[in-house]
């Protein structure tokens, strides 16, 4: 036991050296713990874990580091007002009318005469993007269960879709001939519905594909604040990724952008940052999630003529004004309105913030920022109320790092020194959690701050946002790998998920495999993952500091 304590103290001393700006790691410091803790697949509160265990492509691999049961406790989904779903601050009346019209269309429920099917996953954009309000992610009750038999349909519910589990789409990793697939395979068909007479197509055989380890899942990504993300210049993203290069190398972090090969600019939307723009994001989702052809994706994915009831594309730009309540919206097609809803939707509001602080006019924040709006290297990114990042200097950072290491070292040595409050409602705990977030390396991928470029929208130029993502893709190792390549993101790589709004999110990771934030952190570590050392840093924290970090994340 004494030997373990000495070795761990040596590793922690290495962590202190890095946090205080040292050039090199001590030999062996913060090395991965390769003991297998077992694949932790808990999908809290649902039966989806069973499906995850059997699903092809989940490949959870080894769970490096300390068992989640010994860490902090996820405070759970933050209660209270949604703090999301409203329009950007500062829009004029015309823009507000456009936002309201776009939101109404986003909430529409479609049937076969509207273009639904022949193969689909749900019948409404807002059905998938529902929690904590319209534009979010999976709700607590999965609407896919009800839609399976709506209007007389005879669909069999796949094993990985459960009443209390996440909304999911399914992708097959490979085609029958062994070549790469990776496309969305609709869960349901319109056969049997009262509005689809004569259509007799069948669902894919998901049970057989699961048995072949050939299915991977994706859950809906939250849409709040994405118009501001779309307006962050490529140069700002590039500067952010290049910053803190020495520290990133020490921690094993690299990453790259998913580049659109047509114009060589940075794509930033979707789990693998595979979509260049919100309009493309909308058009693809309308087609592959609901089966509705549109001006970007004009062709039906199902070739059976007996199941094609509409002229294509089914959603087109109207030549006569619709009655949307917005002069601008009256001449927009559905996917234009979907993208407008996302562009005009405000970022989520962190706990304790009366307004939407995840976006504010440039210069309003007291936070020191680097080139192109990136947080200065080494600074503490966060505060008791995440609406305003605490002003920080190098000396302040060094002091907080030293204090944090003292806490960790004390815990490792078995000290009974007083620890910060772990209450989720404690401002001190959240403040400390923000320091821990920065100190152990989370902020090197989940970049806190960017500043937008000039905008055509009222009051949206040079806005500082706090998305907590670098929008690059990183190798997440064998545990999270799904084997699907999209653009320049390979089967092991995923975009750093934006953490704003995380406090009210129910399901985590690309496939919704867990509803426990602590488990989600642990799942970042597996063979080959760029996050291994950061997760190891987390595992070496005292339980109080782990709890503070979880409290901080649930405050976002």
Protein backbone atom coordinates (compact mmCIF):
# COMPACT_ATOMS: atom_id res chain seq x y z
CA UNK A 1 0.00 0.00 0.00
CA UNK A 2 2.87 2.33 0.87
CA UNK A 3 4.49 1.60 -2.50
CA UNK A 4 1.26 2.48 -4.30
CA UNK A 5 1.01 5.79 -2.45
CA UNK A 6 4.59 6.73 -3.29
CA UNK A 7 4.16 5.88 -6.97
CA UNK A 8 0.92 7.79 -7.17
CA UNK A 9 2.45 10.80 -5.42
CA UNK A 10 5.25 10.78 -7.99
CA UNK A 11 2.73 10.78 -10.81
CA UNK A 12 0.84 13.62 -9.19
CA UNK A 13 4.06 15.60 -8.89
CA UNK A 14 4.37 15.18 -12.65
CA UNK A 15 0.85 16.56 -13.05
CA UNK A 16 1.81 19.57 -10.95
CA UNK A 17 4.86 20.16 -13.14
CA UNK A 18 2.78 20.17 -16.31
CA UNK A 19 0.13 22.46 -14.89
CA UNK A 20 2.78 24.92 -13.78
CA UNK A 21 4.19 25.15 -17.29
CA UNK A 22 6.99 22.58 -17.28
CA UNK A 23 8.46 21.61 -20.63
CA UNK A 24 8.67 17.87 -20.14
CA UNK A 25 6.80 15.14 -18.33
CA UNK A 26 8.68 13.05 -15.80
CA UNK A 27 9.28 9.55 -17.11
CA UNK A 28 6.15 7.51 -16.62
CA UNK A 29 4.16 10.35 -15.11
CA UNK A 30 0.44 10.08 -15.71
CA UNK A 31 0.85 6.93 -17.77
CA UNK A 32 -2.28 5.06 -18.68
CA UNK A 33 -3.56 2.48 -16.25
CA UNK A 34 -3.98 -0.49 -18.55
CA UNK A 35 -5.81 -2.72 -16.12
CA UNK A 36 -9.15 -3.68 -17.56
CA UNK A 37 -12.04 -2.49 -15.45
CA UNK A 38 -14.59 -4.04 -17.79
CA UNK A 39 -16.70 -2.31 -20.40
CA UNK A 40 -19.07 -0.03 -18.56
CA UNK A 41 -22.17 0.26 -20.72
CA UNK A 42 -24.74 1.48 -18.20
CA UNK A 43 -27.55 3.33 -19.93
CA UNK A 44 -29.05 4.62 -16.68
CA UNK A 45 -32.78 4.33 -16.31
CA UNK A 46 -33.36 2.35 -19.50
CA UNK A 47 -32.98 -1.04 -21.10
CA UNK A 48 -30.79 0.33 -23.87
CA UNK A 49 -27.66 -1.07 -22.25
CA UNK A 50 -28.67 -4.55 -23.42
CA UNK A 51 -28.86 -3.30 -26.98
CA UNK A 52 -25.53 -1.54 -26.63
CA UNK A 53 -23.86 -4.72 -25.41
CA UNK A 54 -24.99 -6.63 -28.48
CA UNK A 55 -24.67 -3.84 -31.02
CA UNK A 56 -21.97 -4.15 -33.63
CA UNK A 57 -19.59 -1.27 -33.78
CA UNK A 58 -19.96 -0.26 -30.14
CA UNK A 59 -16.63 -1.93 -29.40
CA UNK A 60 -16.37 -0.48 -25.94
CA UNK A 61 -12.93 -2.00 -25.49
CA UNK A 62 -11.01 -1.69 -22.23
CA UNK A 63 -12.02 0.84 -19.63
CA UNK A 64 -8.73 2.43 -18.66
CA UNK A 65 -8.27 4.07 -15.27
CA UNK A 66 -10.28 3.95 -12.11
CA UNK A 67 -13.75 2.45 -11.96
CA UNK A 68 -16.52 5.07 -12.24
CA UNK A 69 -18.09 3.72 -9.04
CA UNK A 70 -15.19 5.23 -7.06
CA UNK A 71 -15.52 8.70 -8.53
CA UNK A 72 -17.91 11.56 -8.02
CA UNK A 73 -21.65 11.25 -8.44
CA UNK A 74 -23.46 12.83 -11.35
CA UNK A 75 -25.87 15.39 -9.82
CA UNK A 76 -28.31 14.46 -12.59
CA UNK A 77 -30.24 16.49 -15.13
CA UNK A 78 -30.50 20.05 -13.91
CA UNK A 79 -34.06 21.04 -13.07
CA UNK A 80 -35.73 24.40 -13.53
CA UNK A 81 -36.44 26.46 -16.63
CA UNK A 82 -35.02 25.04 -19.88
CA UNK A 83 -32.78 28.04 -20.45
CA UNK A 84 -32.82 27.35 -24.17
CA UNK A 85 -35.00 27.38 -27.27
CA UNK A 86 -35.58 31.12 -27.54
CA UNK A 87 -34.29 33.57 -30.16
CA UNK A 88 -30.95 35.31 -30.14
CA UNK A 89 -30.86 38.53 -28.17
CA UNK A 90 -30.96 41.72 -30.19
CA UNK A 91 -32.91 40.53 -33.25
CA UNK A 92 -35.25 43.05 -34.89
CA UNK A 93 -38.98 42.45 -35.36
CA UNK A 94 -38.62 41.07 -38.88
CA UNK A 95 -35.99 38.59 -37.73
CA UNK A 96 -38.12 37.59 -34.72
CA UNK A 97 -41.07 36.90 -37.01
CA UNK A 98 -38.80 34.77 -39.17
CA UNK A 99 -37.55 32.86 -36.11
CA UNK A 100 -41.11 32.13 -34.91
CA UNK A 101 -42.19 30.97 -38.37
CA UNK A 102 -39.14 28.75 -38.67
CA UNK A 103 -39.71 27.25 -35.22
CA UNK A 104 -43.34 26.44 -36.07
CA UNK A 105 -42.28 24.56 -39.22
CA UNK A 106 -39.55 22.78 -37.26
CA UNK A 107 -42.28 21.47 -34.93
CA UNK A 108 -44.59 20.23 -37.69
CA UNK A 109 -45.55 16.55 -37.75
CA UNK A 110 -45.48 15.04 -41.24
CA UNK A 111 -47.48 12.19 -42.77
CA UNK A 112 -47.03 10.35 -46.06
CA UNK A 113 -48.85 13.02 -48.13
CA UNK A 114 -46.32 15.52 -46.73
CA UNK A 115 -43.44 13.31 -47.84
CA UNK A 116 -42.85 11.02 -44.85
CA UNK A 117 -41.03 7.82 -45.79
CA UNK A 118 -40.96 5.34 -47.38
CA UNK A 119 -38.24 4.71 -44.75
CA UNK A 120 -37.86 6.96 -41.75
CA UNK A 121 -36.86 7.32 -38.09
CA UNK A 122 -39.45 9.85 -36.88
CA UNK A 123 -42.09 12.18 -38.27
CA UNK A 124 -40.96 15.53 -36.84
CA UNK A 125 -37.69 17.41 -36.36
CA UNK A 126 -38.84 18.52 -32.92
CA UNK A 127 -39.55 14.92 -31.93
CA UNK A 128 -35.84 14.10 -31.96
CA UNK A 129 -34.62 17.53 -30.88
CA UNK A 130 -36.93 17.89 -27.91
CA UNK A 131 -35.16 18.18 -24.55
CA UNK A 132 -35.08 20.36 -22.54
CA UNK A 133 -37.18 22.15 -25.15
CA UNK A 134 -37.49 22.39 -28.93
CA UNK A 135 -34.02 22.29 -30.49
CA UNK A 136 -32.42 20.05 -27.88
CA UNK A 137 -31.63 16.36 -27.85
CA UNK A 138 -33.42 13.15 -26.84
CA UNK A 139 -36.38 13.56 -24.47
CA UNK A 140 -36.99 11.33 -21.42
CA UNK A 141 -39.73 9.39 -23.26
CA UNK A 142 -38.67 8.13 -26.66
CA UNK A 143 -41.26 9.09 -29.34
CA UNK A 144 -39.93 6.40 -31.68
CA UNK A 145 -41.84 3.77 -29.69
CA UNK A 146 -45.20 5.31 -30.57
CA UNK A 147 -44.39 6.14 -34.20
CA UNK A 148 -43.58 2.49 -34.96
CA UNK A 149 -47.29 1.63 -35.11
CA UNK A 150 -48.84 5.05 -35.76
CA UNK A 151 -51.55 5.28 -38.45
CA UNK A 152 -51.80 1.49 -38.59
CA UNK A 153 -48.15 0.75 -39.33
CA UNK A 154 -46.93 -2.74 -38.42
CA UNK A 155 -43.30 -2.01 -37.63
CA UNK A 156 -41.40 -4.15 -35.14
CA UNK A 157 -39.56 -2.11 -32.57
CA UNK A 158 -35.79 -2.77 -32.82
CA UNK A 159 -34.19 -4.00 -29.60
CA UNK A 160 -32.11 -0.85 -29.23
CA UNK A 161 -35.17 1.44 -29.16
CA UNK A 162 -36.78 1.59 -25.72
CA UNK A 163 -39.36 3.80 -24.06
CA UNK A 164 -36.88 5.38 -21.66
CA UNK A 165 -33.83 5.21 -23.89
CA UNK A 166 -32.50 7.78 -26.33
CA UNK A 167 -33.82 8.56 -29.79
CA UNK A 168 -31.45 6.75 -32.14
CA UNK A 169 -30.62 6.34 -35.77
CA UNK A 170 -28.88 3.18 -36.97
CA UNK A 171 -26.00 2.96 -39.42
CA UNK A 172 -24.51 -0.21 -40.86
CA UNK A 173 -20.73 -0.34 -40.78
CA UNK A 174 -20.35 -2.52 -43.87
CA UNK A 175 -22.32 -3.67 -46.87
CA UNK A 176 -23.00 -7.39 -47.43
CA UNK A 177 -19.95 -7.60 -49.73
CA UNK A 178 -17.69 -6.22 -47.00
CA UNK A 179 -17.25 -2.77 -48.51
CA UNK A 180 -17.76 0.27 -46.23
CA UNK A 181 -21.35 1.40 -45.70
CA UNK A 182 -21.83 3.93 -42.88
CA UNK A 183 -25.19 5.22 -44.12
CA UNK A 184 -28.39 5.66 -42.12
CA UNK A 185 -30.82 2.75 -42.39
CA UNK A 186 -34.35 3.85 -41.53
CA UNK A 187 -35.81 2.10 -38.51
CA UNK A 188 -39.39 2.13 -39.81
CA UNK A 189 -41.37 1.84 -43.03
CA UNK A 190 -44.73 3.30 -44.06
CA UNK A 191 -46.13 -0.12 -45.03
CA UNK A 192 -49.46 -0.74 -43.32
CA UNK A 193 -50.18 2.93 -42.66
CA UNK A 194 -53.58 4.17 -43.66
CA UNK A 195 -51.97 6.90 -45.79
CA UNK A 196 -49.71 4.44 -47.68
CA UNK A 197 -52.03 1.92 -49.40
CA UNK A 198 -50.28 -0.73 -51.47
CA UNK A 199 -46.82 -0.22 -49.94
CA UNK A 200 -45.40 -3.52 -48.70
CA UNK A 201 -41.72 -2.96 -48.07
CA UNK A 202 -40.15 -4.36 -44.89
CA UNK A 203 -37.81 -3.04 -42.24
CA UNK A 204 -34.12 -3.94 -42.31
CA UNK A 205 -33.29 -7.07 -40.33
CA UNK A 206 -31.68 -5.29 -37.41
CA UNK A 207 -31.44 -8.44 -35.31
CA UNK A 208 -29.29 -10.09 -37.96
CA UNK A 209 -27.11 -7.01 -38.36
CA UNK A 210 -26.66 -6.74 -34.61
CA UNK A 211 -25.57 -10.38 -34.55
CA UNK A 212 -22.97 -9.52 -37.19
CA UNK A 213 -21.66 -6.63 -35.08
CA UNK A 214 -22.59 -4.34 -37.95
CA UNK A 215 -24.78 -1.64 -36.36
CA UNK A 216 -23.74 1.63 -34.75
CA UNK A 217 -25.98 4.32 -33.31
CA UNK A 218 -26.18 8.10 -33.24
CA UNK A 219 -28.42 10.30 -31.09
CA UNK A 220 -29.61 13.83 -31.93
CA UNK A 221 -27.16 16.67 -31.32
CA UNK A 222 -28.51 19.84 -29.63
CA UNK A 223 -29.07 22.72 -32.03
CA UNK A 224 -28.97 25.74 -29.73
CA UNK A 225 -26.62 28.54 -30.75
CA UNK A 226 -25.45 26.87 -33.95
CA UNK A 227 -25.90 30.00 -36.05
CA UNK A 228 -23.20 31.64 -33.97
CA UNK A 229 -20.99 28.56 -34.34
CA UNK A 230 -21.50 28.71 -38.10
CA UNK A 231 -20.24 32.31 -38.05
CA UNK A 232 -16.97 31.61 -36.23
CA UNK A 233 -14.17 32.19 -38.78
CA UNK A 234 -12.08 29.24 -39.85
CA UNK A 235 -9.02 31.24 -38.79
CA UNK A 236 -10.28 31.35 -35.19
CA UNK A 237 -10.76 27.58 -35.14
CA UNK A 238 -7.32 27.02 -36.64
CA UNK A 239 -5.68 29.33 -34.11
CA UNK A 240 -7.45 27.55 -31.27
CA UNK A 241 -6.36 24.10 -32.43
CA UNK A 242 -2.76 25.25 -32.83
CA UNK A 243 -2.63 26.88 -29.38
CA UNK A 244 -1.05 25.20 -26.36
CA UNK A 245 0.72 22.79 -28.70
CA UNK A 246 3.34 21.72 -26.17
CA UNK A 247 0.79 20.96 -23.48
CA UNK A 248 -1.39 19.08 -25.95
CA UNK A 249 1.54 16.96 -27.09
CA UNK A 250 2.38 16.16 -23.48
CA UNK A 251 -1.18 14.96 -22.91
CA UNK A 252 -1.35 12.99 -26.19
CA UNK A 253 -3.88 15.38 -27.78
CA UNK A 254 -3.72 16.20 -31.48
CA UNK A 255 -6.90 16.36 -33.55
CA UNK A 256 -7.66 17.84 -36.95
CA UNK A 257 -10.58 19.42 -38.76
CA UNK A 258 -13.00 17.62 -41.04
CA UNK A 259 -12.33 19.61 -44.20
CA UNK A 260 -14.95 20.10 -46.90
CA UNK A 261 -13.09 18.94 -49.99
CA UNK A 262 -15.01 21.22 -52.37
CA UNK A 263 -13.90 24.55 -50.91
CA UNK A 264 -11.35 23.33 -48.31
CA UNK A 265 -13.15 25.08 -45.44
CA UNK A 266 -13.91 23.58 -42.03
CA UNK A 267 -17.05 21.49 -41.55
CA UNK A 268 -18.33 21.65 -37.97
CA UNK A 269 -21.80 20.09 -37.60
CA UNK A 270 -22.72 16.52 -36.69
CA UNK A 271 -21.02 13.95 -34.48
CA UNK A 272 -18.06 13.77 -36.85
CA UNK A 273 -18.28 17.39 -38.01
CA UNK A 274 -19.32 15.92 -41.34
CA UNK A 275 -21.70 18.70 -42.42
CA UNK A 276 -20.36 22.01 -43.67
CA UNK A 277 -23.44 24.17 -43.14
CA UNK A 278 -26.72 24.22 -41.26
CA UNK A 279 -28.58 24.15 -44.58
CA UNK A 280 -26.77 20.96 -45.59
CA UNK A 281 -27.36 19.57 -42.10
CA UNK A 282 -31.11 20.28 -42.51
CA UNK A 283 -31.43 18.86 -46.00
CA UNK A 284 -29.66 15.63 -45.16
CA UNK A 285 -31.63 15.07 -41.95
CA UNK A 286 -34.95 15.75 -43.70
CA UNK A 287 -34.08 13.08 -46.23
CA UNK A 288 -32.44 10.35 -44.12
CA UNK A 289 -34.36 10.79 -40.85
CA UNK A 290 -37.84 11.48 -42.24
CA UNK A 291 -37.55 10.33 -45.84
CA UNK A 292 -38.60 13.71 -47.24
CA UNK A 293 -36.91 14.71 -50.48
CA UNK A 294 -35.96 18.37 -50.82
CA UNK A 295 -34.02 20.89 -52.87
CA UNK A 296 -30.68 19.51 -51.65
CA UNK A 297 -31.56 15.78 -51.61
CA UNK A 298 -34.05 15.36 -54.44
CA UNK A 299 -34.26 11.58 -54.79
CA UNK A 300 -36.09 8.92 -52.82
CA UNK A 301 -33.81 6.46 -51.06
CA UNK A 302 -36.35 3.64 -51.53
CA UNK A 303 -36.85 2.44 -55.10
CA UNK A 304 -40.19 0.59 -54.74
CA UNK A 305 -42.64 2.53 -56.91
CA UNK A 306 -45.58 1.22 -54.86
CA UNK A 307 -44.30 3.24 -51.90
CA UNK A 308 -43.74 6.53 -53.71
CA UNK A 309 -46.85 8.66 -53.46
CA UNK A 310 -45.55 12.17 -54.17
CA UNK A 311 -43.77 14.10 -56.87
CA UNK A 312 -40.15 14.82 -56.01
CA UNK A 313 -38.63 16.75 -54.47
CA UNK A 314 -41.42 16.79 -51.91
CA UNK A 315 -40.31 19.98 -50.16
CA UNK A 316 -39.53 22.80 -52.58
CA UNK A 317 -39.27 26.57 -52.57
CA UNK A 318 -42.85 27.91 -52.77
CA UNK A 319 -43.71 30.07 -55.79
CA UNK A 320 -46.78 31.40 -54.02
CA UNK A 321 -46.48 32.84 -50.51
CA UNK A 322 -47.28 30.53 -47.65
CA UNK A 323 -48.99 31.82 -44.52
CA UNK A 324 -46.18 31.55 -42.00
CA UNK A 325 -46.62 34.85 -40.21
CA UNK A 326 -43.31 36.04 -41.61
CA UNK A 327 -42.90 37.88 -44.93
CA UNK A 328 -39.45 36.31 -45.27
CA UNK A 329 -40.67 32.86 -44.26
CA UNK A 330 -43.55 32.85 -46.73
CA UNK A 331 -41.17 32.14 -49.63
CA UNK A 332 -38.84 29.69 -47.89
CA UNK A 333 -38.82 25.92 -48.24
CA UNK A 334 -38.72 23.70 -45.18
CA UNK A 335 -34.99 23.12 -45.03
CA UNK A 336 -34.33 26.86 -45.30
CA UNK A 337 -36.66 27.37 -42.35
CA UNK A 338 -35.04 24.55 -40.36
CA UNK A 339 -31.63 26.15 -40.85
CA UNK A 340 -33.09 29.56 -39.98
CA UNK A 341 -34.42 28.17 -36.71
CA UNK A 342 -30.96 26.89 -35.85
CA UNK A 343 -29.25 30.13 -36.95
CA UNK A 344 -31.57 32.31 -34.90
CA UNK A 345 -31.78 30.15 -31.77
CA UNK A 346 -29.87 31.45 -28.76
CA UNK A 347 -27.23 29.36 -26.97
CA UNK A 348 -28.29 27.57 -23.78
CA UNK A 349 -28.20 29.49 -20.52
CA UNK A 350 -25.99 28.16 -17.71
CA UNK A 351 -27.35 27.81 -14.19
CA UNK A 352 -27.80 31.03 -12.25
CA UNK A 353 -27.73 33.26 -15.34
CA UNK A 354 -30.75 35.50 -16.02
CA UNK A 355 -29.83 36.04 -19.68
CA UNK A 356 -28.12 33.90 -22.29
CA UNK A 357 -24.50 34.33 -21.23
CA UNK A 358 -23.12 31.72 -23.58
CA UNK A 359 -23.22 34.49 -26.18
CA UNK A 360 -22.50 38.14 -25.52
CA UNK A 361 -21.21 41.17 -27.34
CA UNK A 362 -17.46 41.15 -27.77
CA UNK A 363 -15.77 43.07 -25.01
CA UNK A 364 -18.57 42.47 -22.50
CA UNK A 365 -16.70 39.58 -20.93
CA UNK A 366 -13.98 40.17 -18.39
CA UNK A 367 -12.22 37.04 -19.56
CA UNK A 368 -8.81 37.40 -21.11
CA UNK A 369 -8.93 35.90 -24.60
CA UNK A 370 -6.27 34.96 -27.05
CA UNK A 371 -6.11 35.46 -30.79
CA UNK A 372 -9.43 34.92 -32.55
CA UNK A 373 -11.30 34.75 -29.28
CA UNK A 374 -9.63 31.68 -27.85
CA UNK A 375 -9.02 31.53 -24.12
CA UNK A 376 -5.44 32.40 -23.33
CA UNK A 377 -3.19 29.42 -22.81
CA UNK A 378 -3.25 28.21 -19.25
CA UNK A 379 -6.05 30.39 -17.98
CA UNK A 380 -8.86 29.21 -15.78
CA UNK A 381 -11.93 28.90 -17.96
CA UNK A 382 -15.06 29.17 -15.89
CA UNK A 383 -16.57 30.77 -12.80
CA UNK A 384 -19.22 30.24 -10.18
CA UNK A 385 -21.74 31.55 -12.65
CA UNK A 386 -20.56 30.33 -16.06
CA UNK A 387 -22.12 33.43 -17.64
CA UNK A 388 -18.85 35.29 -17.28
CA UNK A 389 -15.47 33.60 -17.31
CA UNK A 390 -13.24 34.72 -14.47
CA UNK A 391 -10.45 37.12 -15.40
CA UNK A 392 -7.19 35.28 -15.10
CA UNK A 393 -3.48 35.92 -15.26
CA UNK A 394 -0.60 33.50 -15.44
CA UNK A 395 0.14 33.95 -11.77
CA UNK A 396 -3.48 33.25 -10.88
CA UNK A 397 -3.42 30.11 -12.98
CA UNK A 398 -0.25 28.91 -11.28
CA UNK A 399 -1.75 29.54 -7.88
CA UNK A 400 -4.92 27.66 -8.68
CA UNK A 401 -2.95 24.80 -10.22
CA UNK A 402 -0.78 24.54 -7.14
CA UNK A 403 -3.84 24.59 -4.89
CA UNK A 404 -5.48 21.90 -6.97
CA UNK A 405 -2.43 19.67 -6.86
CA UNK A 406 -2.25 20.13 -3.10
CA UNK A 407 -5.79 18.81 -2.86
CA UNK A 408 -5.05 15.86 -5.11
CA UNK A 409 -1.80 15.07 -3.36
CA UNK A 410 -3.52 15.21 0.02
CA UNK A 411 -6.17 12.79 -1.16
CA UNK A 412 -3.56 10.44 -2.60
CA UNK A 413 -1.64 10.48 0.66
CA UNK A 414 -4.74 9.79 2.70
CA UNK A 415 -4.89 13.25 4.27
CA UNK A 416 -8.03 14.32 6.07
CA UNK A 417 -7.59 17.93 4.96
CA UNK A 418 -10.81 19.82 4.41
CA UNK A 419 -12.18 19.58 0.88
CA UNK A 420 -14.49 21.96 -1.00
CA UNK A 421 -18.21 21.39 -0.81
CA UNK A 422 -19.47 18.82 -3.31
CA UNK A 423 -23.02 20.13 -3.29
CA UNK A 424 -24.35 20.69 -6.80
CA UNK A 425 -25.85 23.97 -5.55
CA UNK A 426 -22.62 25.21 -3.99
CA UNK A 427 -21.08 28.15 -5.82
CA UNK A 428 -17.71 27.25 -4.30
CA UNK A 429 -17.92 23.73 -5.68
CA UNK A 430 -18.80 24.97 -9.17
CA UNK A 431 -15.98 27.52 -9.05
CA UNK A 432 -13.52 24.84 -8.07
CA UNK A 433 -14.92 22.56 -10.75
CA UNK A 434 -14.14 25.18 -13.39
CA UNK A 435 -10.53 25.24 -12.18
CA UNK A 436 -10.31 21.45 -12.24
CA UNK A 437 -11.77 21.42 -15.77
CA UNK A 438 -8.94 23.65 -16.95
CA UNK A 439 -6.17 22.14 -14.83
CA UNK A 440 -6.56 18.50 -15.85
CA UNK A 441 -6.78 19.35 -19.57
CA UNK A 442 -10.48 19.16 -20.46
CA UNK A 443 -10.41 22.66 -21.97
CA UNK A 444 -7.73 21.74 -24.48
CA UNK A 445 -10.39 20.04 -26.63
CA UNK A 446 -13.54 21.55 -25.13
CA UNK A 447 -12.41 25.10 -25.90
CA UNK A 448 -14.49 27.55 -23.95
CA UNK A 449 -14.51 30.77 -25.96
CA UNK A 450 -14.70 31.98 -29.56
CA UNK A 451 -15.73 35.24 -31.20
CA UNK A 452 -17.91 35.35 -34.30
CA UNK A 453 -17.27 37.30 -37.48
CA UNK A 454 -19.46 40.07 -38.90
CA UNK A 455 -23.07 39.01 -39.37
CA UNK A 456 -26.02 40.04 -41.54
CA UNK A 457 -28.26 39.59 -38.50
CA UNK A 458 -28.98 42.44 -36.13
CA UNK A 459 -26.63 42.51 -33.15
CA UNK A 460 -24.84 39.26 -34.00
CA UNK A 461 -21.48 40.57 -35.21
CA UNK A 462 -18.35 39.96 -33.11
CA UNK A 463 -20.27 38.03 -30.47
CA UNK A 464 -18.33 36.07 -27.85
CA UNK A 465 -19.67 32.56 -27.40
CA UNK A 466 -18.80 29.78 -24.97
CA UNK A 467 -19.52 26.48 -26.75
CA UNK A 468 -16.83 24.38 -25.01
CA UNK A 469 -15.64 22.72 -28.22
CA UNK A 470 -12.74 23.13 -30.63
CA UNK A 471 -14.96 21.67 -33.41
CA UNK A 472 -12.06 19.44 -34.44
CA UNK A 473 -12.24 15.66 -34.62
CA UNK A 474 -10.08 13.56 -32.29
CA UNK A 475 -9.17 9.90 -32.07
CA UNK A 476 -11.32 8.57 -29.22
CA UNK A 477 -9.84 5.09 -29.22
CA UNK A 478 -11.29 1.63 -29.56
CA UNK A 479 -13.90 2.17 -26.86
CA UNK A 480 -15.89 4.81 -28.73
CA UNK A 481 -14.89 3.83 -32.28
CA UNK A 482 -17.81 3.15 -34.60
CA UNK A 483 -15.91 2.11 -37.71
CA UNK A 484 -17.65 4.73 -39.88
CA UNK A 485 -15.67 7.23 -41.95
CA UNK A 486 -17.32 10.55 -42.82
CA UNK A 487 -15.32 13.08 -44.79
CA UNK A 488 -11.82 13.20 -43.31
CA UNK A 489 -12.99 11.79 -39.95
CA UNK A 490 -12.16 8.11 -39.69
CA UNK A 491 -13.88 5.35 -37.73
CA UNK A 492 -12.13 6.25 -34.45
CA UNK A 493 -12.64 10.01 -34.66
CA UNK A 494 -15.39 12.26 -33.33
CA UNK A 495 -15.87 16.00 -32.99
CA UNK A 496 -15.38 17.43 -29.51
CA UNK A 497 -19.00 17.64 -28.41
CA UNK A 498 -19.99 21.20 -27.40
CA UNK A 499 -20.69 21.19 -23.66
CA UNK A 500 -22.90 24.26 -23.42
CA UNK A 501 -26.30 23.10 -22.22
CA UNK A 502 -24.84 19.85 -20.84
CA UNK A 503 -26.49 20.45 -17.47
CA UNK A 504 -29.91 19.62 -18.92
CA UNK A 505 -28.84 16.81 -21.21
CA UNK A 506 -30.11 13.29 -20.43
CA UNK A 507 -28.00 11.01 -22.66
CA UNK A 508 -24.30 11.22 -23.41
CA UNK A 509 -21.81 10.22 -26.11
CA UNK A 510 -22.59 9.74 -29.78
CA UNK A 511 -24.74 6.66 -29.26
CA UNK A 512 -26.46 7.63 -26.00
CA UNK A 513 -24.93 4.64 -24.22
CA UNK A 514 -25.07 6.28 -20.78
CA UNK A 515 -27.09 8.81 -18.83
CA UNK A 516 -24.35 9.09 -16.18
CA UNK A 517 -21.90 11.95 -16.66
CA UNK A 518 -19.18 10.23 -14.66
CA UNK A 519 -19.46 7.12 -16.84
CA UNK A 520 -19.33 9.33 -19.94
CA UNK A 521 -16.02 10.78 -18.78
CA UNK A 522 -14.60 7.32 -18.13
CA UNK A 523 -15.75 6.14 -21.56
CA UNK A 524 -13.45 8.74 -23.14
CA UNK A 525 -10.55 6.48 -22.18
CA UNK A 526 -9.70 3.35 -24.16
CA UNK A 527 -6.86 2.00 -26.22
CA UNK A 528 -5.59 4.71 -28.57
CA UNK A 529 -7.76 7.55 -27.26
CA UNK A 530 -6.36 11.08 -27.18
CA UNK A 531 -8.25 11.55 -23.91
CA UNK A 532 -6.51 8.79 -21.96
CA UNK A 533 -4.14 11.01 -20.00
CA UNK A 534 -6.79 13.60 -19.20
CA UNK A 535 -9.11 10.87 -17.92
CA UNK A 536 -6.23 9.50 -15.89
CA UNK A 537 -5.76 12.99 -14.43
CA UNK A 538 -9.44 12.99 -13.51
CA UNK A 539 -9.12 9.59 -11.87
CA UNK A 540 -6.27 10.81 -9.68
CA UNK A 541 -8.30 13.72 -8.30
CA UNK A 542 -9.78 13.52 -4.85
CA UNK A 543 -13.42 12.52 -4.83
CA UNK A 544 -14.31 16.06 -3.76
CA UNK A 545 -12.55 17.54 -6.78
CA UNK A 546 -14.19 15.01 -9.08
CA UNK A 547 -17.51 16.01 -7.60
CA UNK A 548 -16.75 19.68 -8.14
CA UNK A 549 -15.99 19.00 -11.80
CA UNK A 550 -19.27 17.11 -12.25
CA UNK A 551 -21.14 19.93 -10.51
CA UNK A 552 -19.49 22.46 -12.80
CA UNK A 553 -20.41 20.50 -15.93
CA UNK A 554 -24.01 20.21 -14.75
CA UNK A 555 -24.06 23.99 -14.25
CA UNK A 556 -23.38 24.60 -17.96
